[in-house]
């Protein structure tokens, strides 16, 4: 078994805002040079239900599936299969929990596991993803500090 990646950070907003920032406001923190298509104007979307997709859409309408939601429990827990740049059968598991920390802060804990599904590439992919998370998470922390993080959720027209 390959040891899971475990990351823990505290963000300067409520857990509700942190969950929304992760799932609805991904464009605030996902680096534009970190897309599957290489298109800086692509949008990353988390469909808000179990079975929903995690995907990237280019301005031209092309889509690249990145994963599938397996747990959707706002604002406490989110889990998805992650298969960006690998076959869906070789997806790894990402589980994120959001728990109240001191003040109006939120502790975000990430466990990224399932590397053994990748066979001989598992350890190398785990190490590459550790570097990837290290590059992504500071952007997420910054987005959770910004005014957009605590903005009310946009309502849909009825």
N, C-alpha and C. Protein backbone atom coordinates (compact mmCIF):
# COMPACT_ATOMS: atom_id res chain seq x y z
N UNK A 1 0.84 -1.19 0.00
CA UNK A 1 0.00 0.00 0.00
C UNK A 1 0.88 1.25 0.00
N UNK A 2 0.49 2.22 -0.78
CA UNK A 2 1.20 3.49 -0.83
C UNK A 2 0.52 4.46 0.13
N UNK A 3 1.30 5.07 0.99
CA UNK A 3 0.77 5.99 2.00
C UNK A 3 -0.01 7.14 1.35
N UNK A 4 -1.22 7.43 1.86
CA UNK A 4 -1.99 8.57 1.33
C UNK A 4 -1.27 9.89 1.60
N UNK A 5 -1.60 10.88 0.79
CA UNK A 5 -1.18 12.25 1.08
C UNK A 5 -2.18 12.81 2.07
N UNK A 6 -1.69 13.43 3.13
CA UNK A 6 -2.56 14.08 4.11
C UNK A 6 -2.09 15.51 4.29
N UNK A 7 -3.01 16.43 4.08
CA UNK A 7 -2.67 17.85 4.19
C UNK A 7 -3.69 18.51 5.10
N UNK A 8 -3.25 19.48 5.87
CA UNK A 8 -4.14 20.18 6.79
C UNK A 8 -3.78 21.65 6.77
N UNK A 9 -4.80 22.50 6.69
CA UNK A 9 -4.57 23.94 6.68
C UNK A 9 -5.75 24.63 7.33
N UNK A 10 -5.51 25.83 7.82
CA UNK A 10 -6.58 26.64 8.40
C UNK A 10 -6.76 27.85 7.50
N UNK A 11 -8.02 28.11 7.15
CA UNK A 11 -8.33 29.25 6.28
C UNK A 11 -9.12 30.29 7.06
N UNK A 12 -9.01 31.53 6.63
CA UNK A 12 -9.59 32.66 7.35
C UNK A 12 -11.02 32.96 6.96
N UNK A 13 -11.86 31.94 6.95
CA UNK A 13 -13.28 32.14 6.68
C UNK A 13 -14.05 30.99 7.32
N UNK A 14 -15.36 31.07 7.28
CA UNK A 14 -16.19 30.00 7.83
C UNK A 14 -16.07 28.74 6.97
N UNK A 15 -16.50 27.63 7.52
CA UNK A 15 -16.48 26.38 6.75
C UNK A 15 -17.45 26.46 5.57
N UNK A 16 -18.57 27.15 5.75
CA UNK A 16 -19.51 27.32 4.65
C UNK A 16 -18.83 28.06 3.49
N UNK A 17 -18.12 29.14 3.82
CA UNK A 17 -17.43 29.91 2.78
C UNK A 17 -16.29 29.11 2.16
N UNK A 18 -15.57 28.34 2.97
CA UNK A 18 -14.47 27.53 2.44
C UNK A 18 -15.00 26.46 1.49
N UNK A 19 -16.09 25.80 1.87
CA UNK A 19 -16.69 24.77 1.01
C UNK A 19 -17.13 25.40 -0.31
N UNK A 20 -17.80 26.55 -0.23
CA UNK A 20 -18.25 27.24 -1.46
C UNK A 20 -17.07 27.68 -2.31
N UNK A 21 -16.02 28.17 -1.66
CA UNK A 21 -14.84 28.60 -2.42
C UNK A 21 -14.23 27.42 -3.15
N UNK A 22 -14.16 26.26 -2.50
CA UNK A 22 -13.60 25.07 -3.14
C UNK A 22 -14.47 24.62 -4.31
N UNK A 23 -15.77 24.60 -4.11
CA UNK A 23 -16.65 23.95 -5.08
C UNK A 23 -17.35 24.87 -6.07
N UNK A 24 -17.63 26.11 -5.67
CA UNK A 24 -18.39 27.02 -6.53
C UNK A 24 -17.54 28.16 -7.08
N UNK A 25 -16.47 28.44 -6.40
CA UNK A 25 -15.65 29.60 -6.78
C UNK A 25 -14.22 29.17 -7.07
N UNK A 26 -14.11 28.04 -7.72
CA UNK A 26 -12.80 27.46 -8.03
C UNK A 26 -11.95 28.42 -8.85
N UNK A 27 -12.59 29.22 -9.68
CA UNK A 27 -11.86 30.18 -10.50
C UNK A 27 -11.11 31.23 -9.70
N UNK A 28 -11.49 31.42 -8.42
CA UNK A 28 -10.77 32.37 -7.57
C UNK A 28 -9.40 31.87 -7.17
N UNK A 29 -9.22 30.55 -7.18
CA UNK A 29 -7.97 30.02 -6.64
C UNK A 29 -7.26 29.02 -7.55
N UNK A 30 -7.95 28.43 -8.50
CA UNK A 30 -7.28 27.45 -9.37
C UNK A 30 -6.40 28.19 -10.36
N UNK A 31 -5.10 27.93 -10.39
CA UNK A 31 -4.21 28.66 -11.29
C UNK A 31 -4.57 28.44 -12.76
N UNK A 32 -4.58 29.51 -13.52
CA UNK A 32 -4.97 29.43 -14.93
C UNK A 32 -3.98 28.62 -15.76
N UNK A 33 -2.76 28.46 -15.27
CA UNK A 33 -1.79 27.66 -16.01
C UNK A 33 -1.81 26.19 -15.58
N UNK A 34 -2.81 25.81 -14.81
CA UNK A 34 -2.89 24.46 -14.26
C UNK A 34 -4.16 23.76 -14.78
N UNK A 35 -4.40 23.87 -16.08
CA UNK A 35 -5.58 23.24 -16.67
C UNK A 35 -5.15 22.11 -17.59
N UNK A 36 -6.06 21.17 -17.83
CA UNK A 36 -5.75 20.04 -18.71
C UNK A 36 -5.60 20.47 -20.16
N UNK A 37 -6.38 21.46 -20.56
CA UNK A 37 -6.36 21.90 -21.95
C UNK A 37 -5.27 22.92 -22.22
N UNK A 38 -4.75 23.54 -21.17
CA UNK A 38 -3.77 24.60 -21.35
C UNK A 38 -4.41 25.95 -21.65
N UNK A 39 -5.75 26.00 -21.68
CA UNK A 39 -6.47 27.24 -21.96
C UNK A 39 -6.66 28.01 -20.66
N UNK A 40 -6.05 29.16 -20.56
CA UNK A 40 -6.11 29.96 -19.33
C UNK A 40 -7.51 30.46 -19.02
N UNK A 41 -8.41 30.45 -20.00
CA UNK A 41 -9.78 30.91 -19.77
C UNK A 41 -10.74 29.76 -19.47
N UNK A 42 -10.22 28.56 -19.28
CA UNK A 42 -11.07 27.43 -18.92
C UNK A 42 -11.67 27.63 -17.54
N UNK A 43 -12.83 27.02 -17.31
CA UNK A 43 -13.53 27.10 -16.03
C UNK A 43 -13.62 25.69 -15.45
N UNK A 44 -13.27 25.55 -14.16
CA UNK A 44 -13.38 24.28 -13.46
C UNK A 44 -14.71 24.26 -12.71
N UNK A 45 -15.46 23.18 -12.89
CA UNK A 45 -16.80 23.07 -12.30
C UNK A 45 -16.92 21.80 -11.47
N UNK A 46 -17.53 21.94 -10.28
CA UNK A 46 -17.92 20.81 -9.44
C UNK A 46 -19.44 20.75 -9.49
N UNK A 47 -20.00 19.70 -10.08
CA UNK A 47 -21.46 19.56 -10.08
C UNK A 47 -21.88 19.18 -8.66
N UNK A 48 -22.85 19.91 -8.07
CA UNK A 48 -23.13 19.83 -6.63
C UNK A 48 -24.04 18.67 -6.21
N UNK A 49 -23.63 17.44 -6.52
CA UNK A 49 -24.41 16.28 -6.10
C UNK A 49 -23.56 15.02 -6.26
N UNK A 50 -23.91 13.98 -5.50
CA UNK A 50 -23.23 12.70 -5.64
C UNK A 50 -23.47 12.19 -7.06
N UNK A 51 -22.39 11.79 -7.71
CA UNK A 51 -22.45 11.37 -9.10
C UNK A 51 -22.13 12.51 -10.07
N UNK A 52 -22.07 13.74 -9.53
CA UNK A 52 -21.75 14.90 -10.37
C UNK A 52 -20.30 14.85 -10.84
N UNK A 53 -20.05 15.58 -11.90
CA UNK A 53 -18.71 15.60 -12.48
C UNK A 53 -17.88 16.74 -11.90
N UNK A 54 -16.58 16.54 -11.93
CA UNK A 54 -15.61 17.62 -11.77
C UNK A 54 -15.00 17.72 -13.16
N UNK A 55 -15.11 18.89 -13.77
CA UNK A 55 -14.64 19.00 -15.15
C UNK A 55 -14.17 20.41 -15.47
N UNK A 56 -13.47 20.49 -16.58
CA UNK A 56 -12.96 21.76 -17.11
C UNK A 56 -13.69 22.03 -18.41
N UNK A 57 -14.12 23.27 -18.58
CA UNK A 57 -14.77 23.67 -19.84
C UNK A 57 -14.02 24.87 -20.42
N UNK A 58 -13.67 24.75 -21.69
CA UNK A 58 -12.99 25.85 -22.37
C UNK A 58 -14.03 26.86 -22.86
N UNK A 59 -13.60 28.08 -23.19
CA UNK A 59 -14.54 29.06 -23.74
C UNK A 59 -15.23 28.56 -25.02
N UNK A 60 -14.57 27.66 -25.75
CA UNK A 60 -15.17 27.10 -26.96
C UNK A 60 -16.16 25.98 -26.69
N UNK A 61 -16.33 25.59 -25.42
CA UNK A 61 -17.30 24.57 -25.06
C UNK A 61 -16.74 23.16 -24.92
N UNK A 62 -15.47 22.95 -25.20
CA UNK A 62 -14.87 21.63 -25.01
C UNK A 62 -14.78 21.33 -23.52
N UNK A 63 -14.99 20.07 -23.17
CA UNK A 63 -14.93 19.66 -21.77
C UNK A 63 -13.96 18.52 -21.57
N UNK A 64 -13.28 18.55 -20.42
CA UNK A 64 -12.39 17.48 -20.01
C UNK A 64 -12.82 17.06 -18.61
N UNK A 65 -13.22 15.80 -18.46
CA UNK A 65 -13.60 15.28 -17.14
C UNK A 65 -12.36 15.11 -16.29
N UNK A 66 -12.46 15.58 -15.05
CA UNK A 66 -11.37 15.45 -14.09
C UNK A 66 -11.71 14.45 -12.99
N UNK A 67 -13.01 14.27 -12.72
CA UNK A 67 -13.38 13.40 -11.62
C UNK A 67 -14.88 13.26 -11.47
N UNK A 68 -15.27 12.54 -10.40
CA UNK A 68 -16.68 12.27 -10.12
C UNK A 68 -16.91 12.40 -8.62
N UNK A 69 -17.97 13.15 -8.25
CA UNK A 69 -18.31 13.38 -6.84
C UNK A 69 -18.86 12.08 -6.24
N UNK A 70 -18.31 11.66 -5.09
CA UNK A 70 -18.82 10.48 -4.39
C UNK A 70 -19.43 10.82 -3.03
N UNK A 71 -19.06 11.96 -2.45
CA UNK A 71 -19.67 12.45 -1.21
C UNK A 71 -19.87 13.95 -1.38
N UNK A 72 -21.10 14.40 -1.11
CA UNK A 72 -21.43 15.83 -1.17
C UNK A 72 -22.22 16.16 0.09
N UNK A 73 -21.53 16.70 1.10
CA UNK A 73 -22.16 17.03 2.38
C UNK A 73 -21.76 18.44 2.80
N UNK A 74 -22.27 19.46 2.08
CA UNK A 74 -21.88 20.83 2.43
C UNK A 74 -22.40 21.20 3.82
N UNK A 75 -21.66 21.91 4.59
CA UNK A 75 -20.32 22.43 4.35
C UNK A 75 -19.23 21.62 5.05
N UNK A 76 -19.50 20.32 5.32
CA UNK A 76 -18.58 19.54 6.14
C UNK A 76 -17.64 18.63 5.37
N UNK A 77 -18.14 18.04 4.27
CA UNK A 77 -17.34 16.98 3.66
C UNK A 77 -17.60 16.90 2.17
N UNK A 78 -16.53 16.63 1.45
CA UNK A 78 -16.57 16.47 0.00
C UNK A 78 -15.58 15.37 -0.36
N UNK A 79 -15.98 14.47 -1.23
CA UNK A 79 -15.05 13.45 -1.72
C UNK A 79 -15.32 13.22 -3.19
N UNK A 80 -14.25 12.99 -3.92
CA UNK A 80 -14.41 12.72 -5.35
C UNK A 80 -13.31 11.79 -5.84
N UNK A 81 -13.66 11.07 -6.91
CA UNK A 81 -12.67 10.29 -7.64
C UNK A 81 -11.94 11.26 -8.54
N UNK A 82 -10.63 11.17 -8.59
CA UNK A 82 -9.80 12.11 -9.34
C UNK A 82 -9.08 11.32 -10.43
N UNK A 83 -9.43 11.63 -11.68
CA UNK A 83 -8.80 10.89 -12.79
C UNK A 83 -8.26 11.82 -13.87
N UNK A 84 -7.81 12.98 -13.48
CA UNK A 84 -7.19 13.91 -14.42
C UNK A 84 -5.92 13.27 -14.99
N UNK A 85 -5.87 13.16 -16.29
CA UNK A 85 -4.72 12.62 -17.03
C UNK A 85 -4.46 11.14 -16.78
N UNK A 86 -5.41 10.42 -16.21
CA UNK A 86 -5.30 8.96 -16.10
C UNK A 86 -6.65 8.36 -16.48
N UNK A 87 -6.65 7.08 -16.78
CA UNK A 87 -7.87 6.37 -17.10
C UNK A 87 -8.81 6.41 -15.89
N UNK A 88 -10.09 6.52 -16.13
CA UNK A 88 -11.07 6.57 -15.02
C UNK A 88 -10.96 5.37 -14.09
N UNK A 89 -10.59 4.23 -14.64
CA UNK A 89 -10.45 3.03 -13.81
C UNK A 89 -9.30 3.17 -12.81
N UNK A 90 -8.39 4.07 -13.08
CA UNK A 90 -7.24 4.29 -12.21
C UNK A 90 -7.39 5.54 -11.34
N UNK A 91 -8.61 5.99 -11.16
CA UNK A 91 -8.85 7.21 -10.38
C UNK A 91 -8.34 7.04 -8.96
N UNK A 92 -7.83 8.14 -8.41
CA UNK A 92 -7.46 8.17 -7.00
C UNK A 92 -8.62 8.83 -6.25
N UNK A 93 -8.58 8.75 -4.93
CA UNK A 93 -9.65 9.27 -4.08
C UNK A 93 -9.18 10.52 -3.36
N UNK A 94 -9.98 11.58 -3.43
CA UNK A 94 -9.71 12.81 -2.69
C UNK A 94 -10.87 13.02 -1.73
N UNK A 95 -10.56 13.14 -0.44
CA UNK A 95 -11.58 13.43 0.56
C UNK A 95 -11.16 14.68 1.31
N UNK A 96 -12.10 15.61 1.44
CA UNK A 96 -11.82 16.89 2.09
C UNK A 96 -12.85 17.09 3.19
N UNK A 97 -12.38 17.40 4.39
CA UNK A 97 -13.29 17.73 5.49
C UNK A 97 -13.05 19.18 5.90
N UNK A 98 -14.13 19.81 6.30
CA UNK A 98 -14.12 21.21 6.71
C UNK A 98 -14.67 21.25 8.13
N UNK A 99 -13.84 21.63 9.11
CA UNK A 99 -14.28 21.68 10.51
C UNK A 99 -13.97 23.05 11.10
N UNK A 100 -14.83 23.49 11.99
CA UNK A 100 -14.68 24.80 12.62
C UNK A 100 -13.40 24.82 13.43
N UNK A 101 -12.63 25.88 13.28
CA UNK A 101 -11.40 26.09 14.04
C UNK A 101 -11.61 27.34 14.89
N UNK A 102 -10.59 27.83 15.54
CA UNK A 102 -10.72 29.00 16.40
C UNK A 102 -11.30 30.19 15.65
N UNK A 103 -12.15 30.93 16.35
CA UNK A 103 -12.78 32.10 15.73
C UNK A 103 -13.68 31.66 14.59
N UNK A 104 -13.70 32.45 13.56
CA UNK A 104 -14.52 32.11 12.39
C UNK A 104 -13.63 31.52 11.30
N UNK A 105 -12.72 30.66 11.71
CA UNK A 105 -11.81 30.02 10.78
C UNK A 105 -12.25 28.57 10.55
N UNK A 106 -11.70 27.99 9.53
CA UNK A 106 -12.05 26.61 9.18
C UNK A 106 -10.78 25.81 8.95
N UNK A 107 -10.74 24.63 9.53
CA UNK A 107 -9.65 23.69 9.26
C UNK A 107 -10.08 22.82 8.08
N UNK A 108 -9.24 22.78 7.08
CA UNK A 108 -9.49 21.99 5.88
C UNK A 108 -8.47 20.86 5.87
N UNK A 109 -8.97 19.62 5.88
CA UNK A 109 -8.08 18.47 5.87
C UNK A 109 -8.34 17.67 4.60
N UNK A 110 -7.27 17.36 3.91
CA UNK A 110 -7.35 16.67 2.63
C UNK A 110 -6.62 15.34 2.76
N UNK A 111 -7.27 14.29 2.30
CA UNK A 111 -6.60 13.00 2.18
C UNK A 111 -6.74 12.55 0.73
N UNK A 112 -5.60 12.35 0.09
CA UNK A 112 -5.57 11.90 -1.31
C UNK A 112 -4.95 10.51 -1.30
N UNK A 113 -5.74 9.50 -1.66
CA UNK A 113 -5.31 8.11 -1.53
C UNK A 113 -5.69 7.30 -2.78
N UNK A 114 -5.34 6.03 -2.74
CA UNK A 114 -5.67 5.13 -3.85
C UNK A 114 -4.57 5.02 -4.89
N UNK A 115 -3.36 5.39 -4.52
CA UNK A 115 -2.24 5.42 -5.46
C UNK A 115 -1.89 4.04 -6.00
N UNK A 116 -2.17 3.00 -5.22
CA UNK A 116 -1.83 1.65 -5.66
C UNK A 116 -2.58 1.25 -6.94
N UNK A 117 -3.71 1.90 -7.22
CA UNK A 117 -4.45 1.61 -8.46
C UNK A 117 -3.62 1.94 -9.70
N UNK A 118 -2.63 2.79 -9.54
CA UNK A 118 -1.80 3.21 -10.67
C UNK A 118 -0.62 2.28 -10.91
N UNK A 119 -0.56 1.20 -10.16
CA UNK A 119 0.52 0.23 -10.35
C UNK A 119 1.88 0.84 -10.10
N UNK A 120 2.81 0.55 -11.01
CA UNK A 120 4.19 1.02 -10.86
C UNK A 120 4.31 2.54 -10.85
N UNK A 121 3.33 3.23 -11.42
CA UNK A 121 3.37 4.69 -11.46
C UNK A 121 2.85 5.34 -10.17
N UNK A 122 2.27 4.53 -9.28
CA UNK A 122 1.61 5.07 -8.09
C UNK A 122 2.47 5.98 -7.24
N UNK A 123 3.66 5.53 -6.87
CA UNK A 123 4.51 6.34 -5.99
C UNK A 123 4.96 7.62 -6.69
N UNK A 124 5.28 7.52 -7.97
CA UNK A 124 5.71 8.71 -8.70
C UNK A 124 4.57 9.72 -8.82
N UNK A 125 3.34 9.22 -9.09
CA UNK A 125 2.18 10.12 -9.18
C UNK A 125 1.87 10.75 -7.83
N UNK A 126 2.02 9.97 -6.77
CA UNK A 126 1.79 10.51 -5.43
C UNK A 126 2.75 11.67 -5.17
N UNK A 127 4.03 11.47 -5.47
CA UNK A 127 5.02 12.53 -5.24
C UNK A 127 4.72 13.76 -6.10
N UNK A 128 4.33 13.54 -7.36
CA UNK A 128 3.99 14.67 -8.24
C UNK A 128 2.78 15.41 -7.70
N UNK A 129 1.79 14.67 -7.20
CA UNK A 129 0.59 15.31 -6.65
C UNK A 129 0.90 16.05 -5.35
N UNK A 130 1.86 15.57 -4.59
CA UNK A 130 2.25 16.29 -3.38
C UNK A 130 2.77 17.67 -3.76
N UNK A 131 3.57 17.74 -4.80
CA UNK A 131 4.05 19.03 -5.29
C UNK A 131 2.89 19.86 -5.84
N UNK A 132 1.97 19.20 -6.54
CA UNK A 132 0.81 19.90 -7.08
C UNK A 132 -0.04 20.54 -5.99
N UNK A 133 -0.33 19.77 -4.93
CA UNK A 133 -1.10 20.32 -3.82
C UNK A 133 -0.36 21.49 -3.18
N UNK A 134 0.97 21.36 -3.04
CA UNK A 134 1.76 22.44 -2.43
C UNK A 134 1.65 23.73 -3.25
N UNK A 135 1.51 23.60 -4.56
CA UNK A 135 1.35 24.78 -5.41
C UNK A 135 -0.06 25.34 -5.40
N UNK A 136 -1.07 24.48 -5.25
CA UNK A 136 -2.47 24.91 -5.30
C UNK A 136 -2.96 25.54 -4.01
N UNK A 137 -2.63 24.92 -2.89
CA UNK A 137 -3.26 25.31 -1.63
C UNK A 137 -3.01 26.74 -1.18
N UNK A 138 -1.85 27.33 -1.42
CA UNK A 138 -1.70 28.75 -1.06
C UNK A 138 -2.70 29.65 -1.80
N UNK A 139 -3.05 29.28 -3.02
CA UNK A 139 -4.06 30.05 -3.77
C UNK A 139 -5.43 29.92 -3.10
N UNK A 140 -5.75 28.71 -2.64
CA UNK A 140 -7.02 28.48 -1.95
C UNK A 140 -7.08 29.28 -0.65
N UNK A 141 -5.99 29.25 0.12
CA UNK A 141 -5.94 30.01 1.38
C UNK A 141 -6.16 31.49 1.11
N UNK A 142 -5.51 32.02 0.08
CA UNK A 142 -5.67 33.44 -0.26
C UNK A 142 -7.09 33.74 -0.69
N UNK A 143 -7.71 32.86 -1.46
CA UNK A 143 -9.10 33.08 -1.91
C UNK A 143 -10.05 33.08 -0.73
N UNK A 144 -9.77 32.28 0.29
CA UNK A 144 -10.62 32.24 1.48
C UNK A 144 -10.49 33.50 2.33
N UNK A 145 -9.43 34.25 2.15
CA UNK A 145 -9.25 35.51 2.87
C UNK A 145 -9.93 36.66 2.15
N UNK A 146 -10.16 36.51 0.86
CA UNK A 146 -10.69 37.60 0.05
C UNK A 146 -12.16 37.87 0.31
N UNK A 147 -12.64 39.04 -0.10
CA UNK A 147 -14.04 39.40 0.13
C UNK A 147 -15.02 38.48 -0.59
N UNK A 148 -14.60 37.88 -1.70
CA UNK A 148 -15.50 37.00 -2.45
C UNK A 148 -15.85 35.75 -1.63
N UNK A 149 -14.94 35.32 -0.76
CA UNK A 149 -15.17 34.10 0.01
C UNK A 149 -16.38 34.22 0.91
N UNK A 150 -16.60 35.39 1.50
CA UNK A 150 -17.73 35.53 2.40
C UNK A 150 -18.94 36.18 1.76
N UNK A 151 -18.87 36.40 0.45
CA UNK A 151 -20.03 36.96 -0.25
C UNK A 151 -21.16 35.95 -0.23
N UNK A 152 -22.41 36.42 -0.16
CA UNK A 152 -23.52 35.47 -0.15
C UNK A 152 -23.55 34.67 -1.44
N UNK A 153 -24.11 33.50 -1.33
CA UNK A 153 -24.24 32.63 -2.49
C UNK A 153 -25.18 33.26 -3.49
N UNK A 154 -24.80 33.22 -4.75
CA UNK A 154 -25.66 33.76 -5.81
C UNK A 154 -26.87 32.85 -5.96
N UNK A 155 -28.04 33.44 -6.03
CA UNK A 155 -29.24 32.62 -6.18
C UNK A 155 -29.59 32.52 -7.66
N UNK A 156 -30.21 31.41 -8.00
CA UNK A 156 -30.61 31.18 -9.39
C UNK A 156 -31.95 31.84 -9.64
N UNK A 157 -32.15 32.37 -10.85
CA UNK A 157 -33.47 32.92 -11.17
C UNK A 157 -34.50 31.80 -11.18
N UNK A 158 -35.67 32.08 -10.71
CA UNK A 158 -36.69 31.03 -10.65
C UNK A 158 -37.66 31.15 -11.77
